[in-house]
């Protein structure tokens, strides 16, 4: 069992920056990949925002060049710069016992999510 504890998020004006972090604990000795997904307002699904796995890093087209995903041991981070109102949503950290996460919609483990609100 892996527990994901998220921190960060909040409200920011357009053009601002926020940092999200996700600390994994528990049975973290199995190789696993990690991702950030977002559920936008009124949406019933979560979209992949950024992924880091054995194939590299992947970004949603709309955040490429503005967001940076990184991982140090069992802590995942998402640095969000140049925020836009369309970045608003609930951000989830997710982990899967696999070398590859890109394109995955179902994960073994999920964080509780943090709200990010960007005003214009």
PDB file of N, CA and C in Angstrom:
ATOM      1  N   UNK A   1       0.840  -1.199   0.000  1.00  0.00           N
ATOM      2  CA  UNK A   1       0.000   0.000   0.000  1.00  0.00           C
ATOM      3  C   UNK A   1       0.877   1.252   0.000  1.00  0.00           C
ATOM      4  N   UNK A   2       0.543   2.199  -0.829  1.00  0.00           N
ATOM      5  CA  UNK A   2       1.256   3.474  -0.918  1.00  0.00           C
ATOM      6  C   UNK A   2       0.285   4.594  -0.585  1.00  0.00           C
ATOM      7  N   UNK A   3       0.706   5.500   0.261  1.00  0.00           N
ATOM      8  CA  UNK A   3      -0.084   6.675   0.609  1.00  0.00           C
ATOM      9  C   UNK A   3       0.539   7.895  -0.021  1.00  0.00           C
ATOM     10  N   UNK A   4      -0.292   8.708  -0.652  1.00  0.00           N
ATOM     11  CA  UNK A   4       0.177   9.940  -1.298  1.00  0.00           C
ATOM     12  C   UNK A   4      -0.388  11.138  -0.547  1.00  0.00           C
ATOM     13  N   UNK A   5       0.497  11.977  -0.063  1.00  0.00           N
ATOM     14  CA  UNK A   5       0.100  13.170   0.681  1.00  0.00           C
ATOM     15  C   UNK A   5       0.458  14.396  -0.142  1.00  0.00           C
ATOM     16  N   UNK A   6      -0.537  15.169  -0.477  1.00  0.00           N
ATOM     17  CA  UNK A   6      -0.340  16.338  -1.325  1.00  0.00           C
ATOM     18  C   UNK A   6      -0.299  17.620  -0.511  1.00  0.00           C
ATOM     19  N   UNK A   7       0.441  18.606  -1.043  1.00  0.00           N
ATOM     20  CA  UNK A   7       0.470  19.930  -0.449  1.00  0.00           C
ATOM     21  C   UNK A   7       0.645  20.945  -1.573  1.00  0.00           C
ATOM     22  N   UNK A   8       0.380  22.185  -1.250  1.00  0.00           N
ATOM     23  CA  UNK A   8       0.453  23.246  -2.243  1.00  0.00           C
ATOM     24  C   UNK A   8      -0.937  23.598  -2.727  1.00  0.00           C
ATOM     25  N   UNK A   9      -0.984  24.222  -3.874  1.00  0.00           N
ATOM     26  CA  UNK A   9      -2.256  24.652  -4.416  1.00  0.00           C
ATOM     27  C   UNK A   9      -2.675  25.982  -3.822  1.00  0.00           C
ATOM     28  N   UNK A  10      -3.907  26.376  -4.114  1.00  0.00           N
ATOM     29  CA  UNK A  10      -4.431  27.632  -3.620  1.00  0.00           C
ATOM     30  C   UNK A  10      -4.920  28.512  -4.748  1.00  0.00           C
ATOM     31  N   UNK A  11      -4.996  29.795  -4.482  1.00  0.00           N
ATOM     32  CA  UNK A  11      -5.490  30.754  -5.464  1.00  0.00           C
ATOM     33  C   UNK A  11      -4.361  31.670  -5.908  1.00  0.00           C
ATOM     34  N   UNK A  12      -4.383  31.988  -7.187  1.00  0.00           N
ATOM     35  CA  UNK A  12      -3.331  32.834  -7.743  1.00  0.00           C
ATOM     36  C   UNK A  12      -3.924  33.619  -8.903  1.00  0.00           C
ATOM     37  N   UNK A  13      -3.332  34.752  -9.187  1.00  0.00           N
ATOM     38  CA  UNK A  13      -3.775  35.534 -10.337  1.00  0.00           C
ATOM     39  C   UNK A  13      -3.087  35.040 -11.596  1.00  0.00           C
ATOM     40  N   UNK A  14      -3.687  35.360 -12.709  1.00  0.00           N
ATOM     41  CA  UNK A  14      -3.128  34.981 -14.000  1.00  0.00           C
ATOM     42  C   UNK A  14      -1.694  35.504 -14.114  1.00  0.00           C
ATOM     43  N   UNK A  15      -0.807  34.625 -14.565  1.00  0.00           N
ATOM     44  CA  UNK A  15       0.598  34.970 -14.684  1.00  0.00           C
ATOM     45  C   UNK A  15       1.428  34.582 -13.484  1.00  0.00           C
ATOM     46  N   UNK A  16       0.784  34.208 -12.412  1.00  0.00           N
ATOM     47  CA  UNK A  16       1.480  33.848 -11.189  1.00  0.00           C
ATOM     48  C   UNK A  16       2.012  32.419 -11.214  1.00  0.00           C
ATOM     49  N   UNK A  17       2.538  32.007 -10.080  1.00  0.00           N
ATOM     50  CA  UNK A  17       3.145  30.676  -9.966  1.00  0.00           C
ATOM     51  C   UNK A  17       2.650  29.963  -8.716  1.00  0.00           C
ATOM     52  N   UNK A  18       2.590  28.660  -8.806  1.00  0.00           N
ATOM     53  CA  UNK A  18       2.273  27.812  -7.666  1.00  0.00           C
ATOM     54  C   UNK A  18       3.096  26.541  -7.784  1.00  0.00           C
ATOM     55  N   UNK A  19       3.347  25.910  -6.642  1.00  0.00           N
ATOM     56  CA  UNK A  19       4.063  24.641  -6.625  1.00  0.00           C
ATOM     57  C   UNK A  19       3.241  23.613  -5.881  1.00  0.00           C
ATOM     58  N   UNK A  20       3.070  22.458  -6.480  1.00  0.00           N
ATOM     59  CA  UNK A  20       2.394  21.330  -5.854  1.00  0.00           C
ATOM     60  C   UNK A  20       3.433  20.269  -5.504  1.00  0.00           C
ATOM     61  N   UNK A  21       3.257  19.627  -4.376  1.00  0.00           N
ATOM     62  CA  UNK A  21       4.125  18.512  -4.022  1.00  0.00           C
ATOM     63  C   UNK A  21       3.288  17.312  -3.596  1.00  0.00           C
ATOM     64  N   UNK A  22       3.886  16.153  -3.730  1.00  0.00           N
ATOM     65  CA  UNK A  22       3.214  14.898  -3.394  1.00  0.00           C
ATOM     66  C   UNK A  22       4.259  13.954  -2.816  1.00  0.00           C
ATOM     67  N   UNK A  23       4.082  13.595  -1.557  1.00  0.00           N
ATOM     68  CA  UNK A  23       5.025  12.703  -0.894  1.00  0.00           C
ATOM     69  C   UNK A  23       4.419  11.317  -0.780  1.00  0.00           C
ATOM     70  N   UNK A  24       5.145  10.334  -1.277  1.00  0.00           N
ATOM     71  CA  UNK A  24       4.682   8.947  -1.221  1.00  0.00           C
ATOM     72  C   UNK A  24       5.319   8.241  -0.040  1.00  0.00           C
ATOM     73  N   UNK A  25       4.537   7.456   0.658  1.00  0.00           N
ATOM     74  CA  UNK A  25       5.051   6.670   1.772  1.00  0.00           C
ATOM     75  C   UNK A  25       4.390   5.309   1.758  1.00  0.00           C
ATOM     76  N   UNK A  26       5.003   4.367   2.481  1.00  0.00           N
ATOM     77  CA  UNK A  26       4.459   3.024   2.520  1.00  0.00           C
ATOM     78  C   UNK A  26       5.314   2.079   1.703  1.00  0.00           C
ATOM     79  N   UNK A  27       4.703   1.238   0.931  1.00  0.00           N
ATOM     80  CA  UNK A  27       5.427   0.224   0.161  1.00  0.00           C
ATOM     81  C   UNK A  27       6.018   0.826  -1.114  1.00  0.00           C
ATOM     82  N   UNK A  28       6.970   1.721  -0.918  1.00  0.00           N
ATOM     83  CA  UNK A  28       7.508   2.453  -2.053  1.00  0.00           C
ATOM     84  C   UNK A  28       8.714   1.775  -2.684  1.00  0.00           C
ATOM     85  N   UNK A  29       9.007   0.520  -2.243  1.00  0.00           N
ATOM     86  CA  UNK A  29      10.179  -0.132  -2.830  1.00  0.00           C
ATOM     87  C   UNK A  29       9.904  -0.718  -4.198  1.00  0.00           C
ATOM     88  N   UNK A  30       8.630  -0.905  -4.528  1.00  0.00           N
ATOM     89  CA  UNK A  30       8.307  -1.373  -5.873  1.00  0.00           C
ATOM     90  C   UNK A  30       8.466  -0.211  -6.846  1.00  0.00           C
ATOM     91  N   UNK A  31       9.021  -0.463  -8.030  1.00  0.00           N
ATOM     92  CA  UNK A  31       9.144   0.623  -9.004  1.00  0.00           C
ATOM     93  C   UNK A  31       7.769   1.140  -9.418  1.00  0.00           C
ATOM     94  N   UNK A  32       7.591   2.422  -9.393  1.00  0.00           N
ATOM     95  CA  UNK A  32       6.324   2.988  -9.778  1.00  0.00           C
ATOM     96  C   UNK A  32       6.518   4.332 -10.458  1.00  0.00           C
ATOM     97  N   UNK A  33       5.629   4.639 -11.344  1.00  0.00           N
ATOM     98  CA  UNK A  33       5.671   5.924 -12.034  1.00  0.00           C
ATOM     99  C   UNK A  33       4.644   6.850 -11.384  1.00  0.00           C
ATOM    100  N   UNK A  34       4.784   8.146 -11.615  1.00  0.00           N
ATOM    101  CA  UNK A  34       3.911   9.117 -10.973  1.00  0.00           C
ATOM    102  C   UNK A  34       3.466  10.183 -11.961  1.00  0.00           C
ATOM    103  N   UNK A  35       2.304  10.721 -11.699  1.00  0.00           N
ATOM    104  CA  UNK A  35       1.711  11.695 -12.611  1.00  0.00           C
ATOM    105  C   UNK A  35       0.913  12.734 -11.842  1.00  0.00           C
ATOM    106  N   UNK A  36       0.636  13.825 -12.534  1.00  0.00           N
ATOM    107  CA  UNK A  36      -0.331  14.817 -12.071  1.00  0.00           C
ATOM    108  C   UNK A  36      -1.500  14.820 -13.044  1.00  0.00           C
ATOM    109  N   UNK A  37      -2.699  14.756 -12.504  1.00  0.00           N
ATOM    110  CA  UNK A  37      -3.909  14.829 -13.316  1.00  0.00           C
ATOM    111  C   UNK A  37      -4.793  15.937 -12.754  1.00  0.00           C
ATOM    112  N   UNK A  38      -5.648  16.455 -13.598  1.00  0.00           N
ATOM    113  CA  UNK A  38      -6.493  17.588 -13.208  1.00  0.00           C
ATOM    114  C   UNK A  38      -7.941  17.320 -13.576  1.00  0.00           C
ATOM    115  N   UNK A  39      -8.819  17.660 -12.651  1.00  0.00           N
ATOM    116  CA  UNK A  39     -10.255  17.614 -12.936  1.00  0.00           C
ATOM    117  C   UNK A  39     -10.745  19.044 -12.986  1.00  0.00           C
ATOM    118  N   UNK A  40     -11.113  19.484 -14.171  1.00  0.00           N
ATOM    119  CA  UNK A  40     -11.554  20.853 -14.352  1.00  0.00           C
ATOM    120  C   UNK A  40     -12.951  21.087 -13.806  1.00  0.00           C
ATOM    121  N   UNK A  41     -13.350  22.341 -13.645  1.00  0.00           N
ATOM    122  CA  UNK A  41     -14.684  22.667 -13.119  1.00  0.00           C
ATOM    123  C   UNK A  41     -15.783  22.062 -13.983  1.00  0.00           C
ATOM    124  N   UNK A  42     -16.712  21.361 -13.336  1.00  0.00           N
ATOM    125  CA  UNK A  42     -17.834  20.768 -14.048  1.00  0.00           C
ATOM    126  C   UNK A  42     -17.492  19.529 -14.845  1.00  0.00           C
ATOM    127  N   UNK A  43     -16.251  19.096 -14.801  1.00  0.00           N
ATOM    128  CA  UNK A  43     -15.844  17.902 -15.540  1.00  0.00           C
ATOM    129  C   UNK A  43     -15.974  16.662 -14.655  1.00  0.00           C
ATOM    130  N   UNK A  44     -16.246  15.540 -15.288  1.00  0.00           N
ATOM    131  CA  UNK A  44     -16.395  14.309 -14.514  1.00  0.00           C
ATOM    132  C   UNK A  44     -15.237  13.353 -14.752  1.00  0.00           C
ATOM    133  N   UNK A  45     -14.179  13.871 -15.346  1.00  0.00           N
ATOM    134  CA  UNK A  45     -13.022  13.036 -15.578  1.00  0.00           C
ATOM    135  C   UNK A  45     -11.763  13.838 -15.249  1.00  0.00           C
ATOM    136  N   UNK A  46     -10.676  13.120 -15.141  1.00  0.00           N
ATOM    137  CA  UNK A  46      -9.389  13.728 -14.831  1.00  0.00           C
ATOM    138  C   UNK A  46      -8.476  13.633 -16.049  1.00  0.00           C
ATOM    139  N   UNK A  47      -7.892  14.747 -16.412  1.00  0.00           N
ATOM    140  CA  UNK A  47      -7.002  14.798 -17.565  1.00  0.00           C
ATOM    141  C   UNK A  47      -5.549  14.751 -17.119  1.00  0.00           C
ATOM    142  N   UNK A  48      -4.752  14.064 -17.879  1.00  0.00           N
ATOM    143  CA  UNK A  48      -3.322  14.010 -17.605  1.00  0.00           C
ATOM    144  C   UNK A  48      -2.722  15.392 -17.826  1.00  0.00           C
ATOM    145  N   UNK A  49      -1.944  15.861 -16.854  1.00  0.00           N
ATOM    146  CA  UNK A  49      -1.294  17.165 -16.971  1.00  0.00           C
ATOM    147  C   UNK A  49       0.195  16.976 -17.198  1.00  0.00           C
ATOM    148  N   UNK A  50       0.809  16.139 -16.378  1.00  0.00           N
ATOM    149  CA  UNK A  50       2.243  15.891 -16.510  1.00  0.00           C
ATOM    150  C   UNK A  50       2.563  14.520 -15.943  1.00  0.00           C
ATOM    151  N   UNK A  51       3.527  13.878 -16.560  1.00  0.00           N
ATOM    152  CA  UNK A  51       3.915  12.516 -16.185  1.00  0.00           C
ATOM    153  C   UNK A  51       5.430  12.432 -16.132  1.00  0.00           C
ATOM    154  N   UNK A  52       5.935  11.656 -15.184  1.00  0.00           N
ATOM    155  CA  UNK A  52       7.354  11.344 -15.181  1.00  0.00           C
ATOM    156  C   UNK A  52       7.479   9.834 -14.999  1.00  0.00           C
ATOM    157  N   UNK A  53       8.102   9.190 -15.962  1.00  0.00           N
ATOM    158  CA  UNK A  53       8.259   7.740 -15.872  1.00  0.00           C
ATOM    159  C   UNK A  53       9.557   7.337 -16.559  1.00  0.00           C
ATOM    160  N   UNK A  54       9.746   6.039 -16.762  1.00  0.00           N
ATOM    161  CA  UNK A  54      11.020   5.576 -17.312  1.00  0.00           C
ATOM    162  C   UNK A  54      11.245   6.022 -18.754  1.00  0.00           C
ATOM    163  N   UNK A  55      10.192   6.474 -19.399  1.00  0.00           N
ATOM    164  CA  UNK A  55      10.343   6.955 -20.779  1.00  0.00           C
ATOM    165  C   UNK A  55      10.672   8.438 -20.826  1.00  0.00           C
ATOM    166  N   UNK A  56      10.556   9.117 -19.696  1.00  0.00           N
ATOM    167  CA  UNK A  56      10.854  10.542 -19.654  1.00  0.00           C
ATOM    168  C   UNK A  56       9.734  11.336 -19.021  1.00  0.00           C
ATOM    169  N   UNK A  57       9.628  12.593 -19.436  1.00  0.00           N
ATOM    170  CA  UNK A  57       8.569  13.454 -18.929  1.00  0.00           C
ATOM    171  C   UNK A  57       7.621  13.788 -20.069  1.00  0.00           C
ATOM    172  N   UNK A  58       6.359  13.900 -19.738  1.00  0.00           N
ATOM    173  CA  UNK A  58       5.333  14.220 -20.720  1.00  0.00           C
ATOM    174  C   UNK A  58       4.458  15.321 -20.158  1.00  0.00           C
ATOM    175  N   UNK A  59       4.014  16.214 -21.024  1.00  0.00           N
ATOM    176  CA  UNK A  59       3.173  17.328 -20.606  1.00  0.00           C
ATOM    177  C   UNK A  59       1.979  17.468 -21.528  1.00  0.00           C
ATOM    178  N   UNK A  60       0.886  17.853 -20.915  1.00  0.00           N
ATOM    179  CA  UNK A  60      -0.282  18.217 -21.699  1.00  0.00           C
ATOM    180  C   UNK A  60       0.117  19.422 -22.560  1.00  0.00           C
ATOM    181  N   UNK A  61      -0.356  19.484 -23.787  1.00  0.00           N
ATOM    182  CA  UNK A  61       0.063  20.537 -24.711  1.00  0.00           C
ATOM    183  C   UNK A  61      -0.156  21.925 -24.130  1.00  0.00           C
ATOM    184  N   UNK A  62      -1.249  22.110 -23.421  1.00  0.00           N
ATOM    185  CA  UNK A  62      -1.606  23.437 -22.926  1.00  0.00           C
ATOM    186  C   UNK A  62      -0.703  23.922 -21.788  1.00  0.00           C
ATOM    187  N   UNK A  63       0.072  23.022 -21.194  1.00  0.00           N
ATOM    188  CA  UNK A  63       0.932  23.435 -20.079  1.00  0.00           C
ATOM    189  C   UNK A  63       2.413  23.360 -20.439  1.00  0.00           C
ATOM    190  N   UNK A  64       2.712  22.821 -21.609  1.00  0.00           N
ATOM    191  CA  UNK A  64       4.097  22.659 -22.013  1.00  0.00           C
ATOM    192  C   UNK A  64       4.800  24.022 -22.041  1.00  0.00           C
ATOM    193  N   UNK A  65       5.981  24.073 -21.440  1.00  0.00           N
ATOM    194  CA  UNK A  65       6.728  25.321 -21.378  1.00  0.00           C
ATOM    195  C   UNK A  65       6.407  26.171 -20.170  1.00  0.00           C
ATOM    196  N   UNK A  66       5.323  25.831 -19.474  1.00  0.00           N
ATOM    197  CA  UNK A  66       4.935  26.603 -18.281  1.00  0.00           C
ATOM    198  C   UNK A  66       5.035  25.764 -17.014  1.00  0.00           C
ATOM    199  N   UNK A  67       4.752  24.478 -17.130  1.00  0.00           N
ATOM    200  CA  UNK A  67       4.785  23.582 -15.978  1.00  0.00           C
ATOM    201  C   UNK A  67       6.023  22.691 -16.052  1.00  0.00           C
ATOM    202  N   UNK A  68       6.556  22.341 -14.884  1.00  0.00           N
ATOM    203  CA  UNK A  68       7.689  21.433 -14.823  1.00  0.00           C
ATOM    204  C   UNK A  68       7.433  20.375 -13.766  1.00  0.00           C
ATOM    205  N   UNK A  69       7.480  19.116 -14.178  1.00  0.00           N
ATOM    206  CA  UNK A  69       7.324  18.014 -13.244  1.00  0.00           C
ATOM    207  C   UNK A  69       8.702  17.508 -12.862  1.00  0.00           C
ATOM    208  N   UNK A  70       8.852  17.158 -11.595  1.00  0.00           N
ATOM    209  CA  UNK A  70      10.120  16.607 -11.139  1.00  0.00           C
ATOM    210  C   UNK A  70       9.848  15.612 -10.029  1.00  0.00           C
ATOM    211  N   UNK A  71      10.815  14.747  -9.820  1.00  0.00           N
ATOM    212  CA  UNK A  71      10.677  13.733  -8.780  1.00  0.00           C
ATOM    213  C   UNK A  71      12.038  13.518  -8.131  1.00  0.00           C
ATOM    214  N   UNK A  72      12.061  13.585  -6.817  1.00  0.00           N
ATOM    215  CA  UNK A  72      13.252  13.271  -6.049  1.00  0.00           C
ATOM    216  C   UNK A  72      12.864  12.166  -5.092  1.00  0.00           C
ATOM    217  N   UNK A  73      13.390  10.999  -5.360  1.00  0.00           N
ATOM    218  CA  UNK A  73      13.046   9.807  -4.588  1.00  0.00           C
ATOM    219  C   UNK A  73      11.515   9.628  -4.589  1.00  0.00           C
ATOM    220  N   UNK A  74      10.892   9.750  -3.442  1.00  0.00           N
ATOM    221  CA  UNK A  74       9.461   9.497  -3.358  1.00  0.00           C
ATOM    222  C   UNK A  74       8.626  10.768  -3.294  1.00  0.00           C
ATOM    223  N   UNK A  75       9.212  11.887  -3.670  1.00  0.00           N
ATOM    224  CA  UNK A  75       8.469  13.140  -3.670  1.00  0.00           C
ATOM    225  C   UNK A  75       8.347  13.681  -5.090  1.00  0.00           C
ATOM    226  N   UNK A  76       7.115  13.907  -5.480  1.00  0.00           N
ATOM    227  CA  UNK A  76       6.802  14.428  -6.810  1.00  0.00           C
ATOM    228  C   UNK A  76       6.420  15.901  -6.678  1.00  0.00           C
ATOM    229  N   UNK A  77       6.867  16.702  -7.621  1.00  0.00           N
ATOM    230  CA  UNK A  77       6.543  18.127  -7.585  1.00  0.00           C
ATOM    231  C   UNK A  77       6.030  18.584  -8.943  1.00  0.00           C
ATOM    232  N   UNK A  78       5.259  19.650  -8.917  1.00  0.00           N
ATOM    233  CA  UNK A  78       4.813  20.289 -10.149  1.00  0.00           C
ATOM    234  C   UNK A  78       4.967  21.795  -9.959  1.00  0.00           C
ATOM    235  N   UNK A  79       5.915  22.369 -10.664  1.00  0.00           N
ATOM    236  CA  UNK A  79       6.115  23.811 -10.641  1.00  0.00           C
ATOM    237  C   UNK A  79       5.270  24.402 -11.754  1.00  0.00           C
ATOM    238  N   UNK A  80       4.347  25.281 -11.389  1.00  0.00           N
ATOM    239  CA  UNK A  80       3.420  25.857 -12.350  1.00  0.00           C
ATOM    240  C   UNK A  80       3.693  27.352 -12.468  1.00  0.00           C
ATOM    241  N   UNK A  81       4.180  27.768 -13.603  1.00  0.00           N
ATOM    242  CA  UNK A  81       4.468  29.183 -13.868  1.00  0.00           C
ATOM    243  C   UNK A  81       3.539  29.697 -14.962  1.00  0.00           C
ATOM    244  N   UNK A  82       3.430  30.998 -15.057  1.00  0.00           N
ATOM    245  CA  UNK A  82       2.587  31.591 -16.085  1.00  0.00           C
ATOM    246  C   UNK A  82       1.165  31.074 -16.047  1.00  0.00           C
ATOM    247  N   UNK A  83       0.611  30.973 -14.852  1.00  0.00           N
ATOM    248  CA  UNK A  83      -0.716  30.385 -14.691  1.00  0.00           C
ATOM    249  C   UNK A  83      -1.779  31.126 -15.487  1.00  0.00           C
ATOM    250  N   UNK A  84      -2.728  30.356 -15.984  1.00  0.00           N
ATOM    251  CA  UNK A  84      -3.845  30.890 -16.760  1.00  0.00           C
ATOM    252  C   UNK A  84      -5.150  30.429 -16.115  1.00  0.00           C
ATOM    253  N   UNK A  85      -6.229  31.149 -16.313  1.00  0.00           N
ATOM    254  CA  UNK A  85      -7.516  30.725 -15.730  1.00  0.00           C
ATOM    255  C   UNK A  85      -7.903  29.302 -16.124  1.00  0.00           C
ATOM    256  N   UNK A  86      -7.539  28.876 -17.322  1.00  0.00           N
ATOM    257  CA  UNK A  86      -7.893  27.515 -17.751  1.00  0.00           C
ATOM    258  C   UNK A  86      -7.099  26.437 -17.021  1.00  0.00           C
ATOM    259  N   UNK A  87      -6.124  26.830 -16.198  1.00  0.00           N
ATOM    260  CA  UNK A  87      -5.406  25.862 -15.365  1.00  0.00           C
ATOM    261  C   UNK A  87      -6.185  25.534 -14.102  1.00  0.00           C
ATOM    262  N   UNK A  88      -7.272  26.229 -13.873  1.00  0.00           N
ATOM    263  CA  UNK A  88      -8.092  26.008 -12.677  1.00  0.00           C
ATOM    264  C   UNK A  88      -8.623  24.590 -12.645  1.00  0.00           C
ATOM    265  N   UNK A  89      -8.573  23.991 -11.466  1.00  0.00           N
ATOM    266  CA  UNK A  89      -9.097  22.650 -11.299  1.00  0.00           C
ATOM    267  C   UNK A  89      -8.548  22.013 -10.042  1.00  0.00           C
ATOM    268  N   UNK A  90      -8.964  20.781  -9.813  1.00  0.00           N
ATOM    269  CA  UNK A  90      -8.443  20.020  -8.682  1.00  0.00           C
ATOM    270  C   UNK A  90      -7.342  19.119  -9.215  1.00  0.00           C
ATOM    271  N   UNK A  91      -6.174  19.247  -8.641  1.00  0.00           N
ATOM    272  CA  UNK A  91      -5.002  18.519  -9.111  1.00  0.00           C
ATOM    273  C   UNK A  91      -4.753  17.303  -8.225  1.00  0.00           C
ATOM    274  N   UNK A  92      -4.604  16.167  -8.894  1.00  0.00           N
ATOM    275  CA  UNK A  92      -4.380  14.915  -8.202  1.00  0.00           C
ATOM    276  C   UNK A  92      -3.003  14.359  -8.536  1.00  0.00           C
ATOM    277  N   UNK A  93      -2.336  13.895  -7.514  1.00  0.00           N
ATOM    278  CA  UNK A  93      -1.112  13.123  -7.684  1.00  0.00           C
ATOM    279  C   UNK A  93      -1.533  11.662  -7.790  1.00  0.00           C
ATOM    280  N   UNK A  94      -0.897  10.922  -8.672  1.00  0.00           N
ATOM    281  CA  UNK A  94      -1.230   9.515  -8.834  1.00  0.00           C
ATOM    282  C   UNK A  94       0.032   8.696  -9.053  1.00  0.00           C
ATOM    283  N   UNK A  95      -0.008   7.469  -8.587  1.00  0.00           N
ATOM    284  CA  UNK A  95       1.130   6.567  -8.746  1.00  0.00           C
ATOM    285  C   UNK A  95       0.638   5.205  -9.209  1.00  0.00           C
ATOM    286  N   UNK A  96       1.445   4.575 -10.052  1.00  0.00           N
ATOM    287  CA  UNK A  96       1.072   3.251 -10.549  1.00  0.00           C
ATOM    288  C   UNK A  96       2.296   2.353 -10.518  1.00  0.00           C
ATOM    289  N   UNK A  97       2.088   1.103 -10.117  1.00  0.00           N
ATOM    290  CA  UNK A  97       3.192   0.158 -10.032  1.00  0.00           C
ATOM    291  C   UNK A  97       3.526  -0.314 -11.448  1.00  0.00           C
ATOM    292  N   UNK A  98       4.302   0.497 -12.102  1.00  0.00           N
ATOM    293  CA  UNK A  98       4.675   0.255 -13.490  1.00  0.00           C
ATOM    294  C   UNK A  98       5.819   1.196 -13.823  1.00  0.00           C
ATOM    295  N   UNK A  99       6.531   0.888 -14.880  1.00  0.00           N
ATOM    296  CA  UNK A  99       7.570   1.808 -15.332  1.00  0.00           C
ATOM    297  C   UNK A  99       6.981   2.967 -16.144  1.00  0.00           C
ATOM    298  N   UNK A 100       5.765   2.797 -16.626  1.00  0.00           N
ATOM    299  CA  UNK A 100       5.191   3.770 -17.545  1.00  0.00           C
ATOM    300  C   UNK A 100       3.794   4.213 -17.102  1.00  0.00           C
ATOM    301  N   UNK A 101       3.595   5.536 -17.112  1.00  0.00           N
ATOM    302  CA  UNK A 101       2.310   6.098 -16.708  1.00  0.00           C
ATOM    303  C   UNK A 101       1.626   6.866 -17.833  1.00  0.00           C
ATOM    304  N   UNK A 102       2.394   7.322 -18.806  1.00  0.00           N
ATOM    305  CA  UNK A 102       1.849   8.191 -19.841  1.00  0.00           C
ATOM    306  C   UNK A 102       0.646   7.555 -20.531  1.00  0.00           C
ATOM    307  N   UNK A 103      -0.463   8.284 -20.555  1.00  0.00           N
ATOM    308  CA  UNK A 103      -1.671   7.809 -21.210  1.00  0.00           C
ATOM    309  C   UNK A 103      -2.572   6.981 -20.324  1.00  0.00           C
ATOM    310  N   UNK A 104      -2.129   6.717 -19.127  1.00  0.00           N
ATOM    311  CA  UNK A 104      -2.931   5.892 -18.212  1.00  0.00           C
ATOM    312  C   UNK A 104      -4.059   6.720 -17.627  1.00  0.00           C
ATOM    313  N   UNK A 105      -5.213   6.108 -17.452  1.00  0.00           N
ATOM    314  CA  UNK A 105      -6.341   6.779 -16.805  1.00  0.00           C
ATOM    315  C   UNK A 105      -6.658   6.168 -15.446  1.00  0.00           C
ATOM    316  N   UNK A 106      -6.158   4.971 -15.216  1.00  0.00           N
ATOM    317  CA  UNK A 106      -6.410   4.292 -13.947  1.00  0.00           C
ATOM    318  C   UNK A 106      -5.074   4.048 -13.259  1.00  0.00           C
ATOM    319  N   UNK A 107      -5.002   4.393 -12.001  1.00  0.00           N
ATOM    320  CA  UNK A 107      -3.791   4.267 -11.220  1.00  0.00           C
ATOM    321  C   UNK A 107      -4.048   3.443  -9.969  1.00  0.00           C
ATOM    322  N   UNK A 108      -2.990   2.821  -9.477  1.00  0.00           N
ATOM    323  CA  UNK A 108      -3.102   2.058  -8.234  1.00  0.00           C
ATOM    324  C   UNK A 108      -3.403   2.983  -7.047  1.00  0.00           C
ATOM    325  N   UNK A 109      -2.789   4.150  -7.037  1.00  0.00           N
ATOM    326  CA  UNK A 109      -2.880   5.013  -5.868  1.00  0.00           C
ATOM    327  C   UNK A 109      -3.150   6.459  -6.294  1.00  0.00           C
ATOM    328  N   UNK A 110      -3.970   7.121  -5.483  1.00  0.00           N
ATOM    329  CA  UNK A 110      -4.315   8.517  -5.744  1.00  0.00           C
ATOM    330  C   UNK A 110      -4.125   9.353  -4.484  1.00  0.00           C
ATOM    331  N   UNK A 111      -3.696  10.601  -4.679  1.00  0.00           N
ATOM    332  CA  UNK A 111      -3.715  11.547  -3.586  1.00  0.00           C
ATOM    333  C   UNK A 111      -5.118  12.130  -3.459  1.00  0.00           C
ATOM    334  N   UNK A 112      -5.372  12.888  -2.411  1.00  0.00           N
ATOM    335  CA  UNK A 112      -6.719  13.427  -2.168  1.00  0.00           C
ATOM    336  C   UNK A 112      -7.085  14.593  -3.080  1.00  0.00           C
ATOM    337  N   UNK A 113      -6.074  15.174  -3.729  1.00  0.00           N
ATOM    338  CA  UNK A 113      -6.333  16.315  -4.608  1.00  0.00           C
ATOM    339  C   UNK A 113      -6.190  17.632  -3.874  1.00  0.00           C
ATOM    340  N   UNK A 114      -5.725  18.644  -4.603  1.00  0.00           N
ATOM    341  CA  UNK A 114      -5.670  20.007  -4.076  1.00  0.00           C
ATOM    342  C   UNK A 114      -6.266  20.938  -5.122  1.00  0.00           C
ATOM    343  N   UNK A 115      -6.945  21.955  -4.646  1.00  0.00           N
ATOM    344  CA  UNK A 115      -7.591  22.898  -5.552  1.00  0.00           C
ATOM    345  C   UNK A 115      -6.607  23.980  -5.985  1.00  0.00           C
ATOM    346  N   UNK A 116      -6.615  24.257  -7.277  1.00  0.00           N
ATOM    347  CA  UNK A 116      -5.864  25.376  -7.841  1.00  0.00           C
ATOM    348  C   UNK A 116      -6.866  26.264  -8.559  1.00  0.00           C
ATOM    349  N   UNK A 117      -6.909  27.532  -8.157  1.00  0.00           N
ATOM    350  CA  UNK A 117      -7.826  28.481  -8.774  1.00  0.00           C
ATOM    351  C   UNK A 117      -7.030  29.661  -9.304  1.00  0.00           C
ATOM    352  N   UNK A 118      -7.177  29.930 -10.584  1.00  0.00           N
ATOM    353  CA  UNK A 118      -6.451  31.037 -11.219  1.00  0.00           C
ATOM    354  C   UNK A 118      -7.471  32.054 -11.708  1.00  0.00           C
ATOM    355  N   UNK A 119      -7.327  33.271 -11.239  1.00  0.00           N
ATOM    356  CA  UNK A 119      -8.252  34.325 -11.635  1.00  0.00           C
ATOM    357  C   UNK A 119      -7.592  35.236 -12.660  1.00  0.00           C
ATOM    358  N   UNK A 120      -8.421  35.783 -13.509  1.00  0.00           N
ATOM    359  CA  UNK A 120      -7.896  36.655 -14.584  1.00  0.00           C
ATOM    360  C   UNK A 120      -7.727  38.085 -14.107  1.00  0.00           C
TER     361      UNK A 120
END
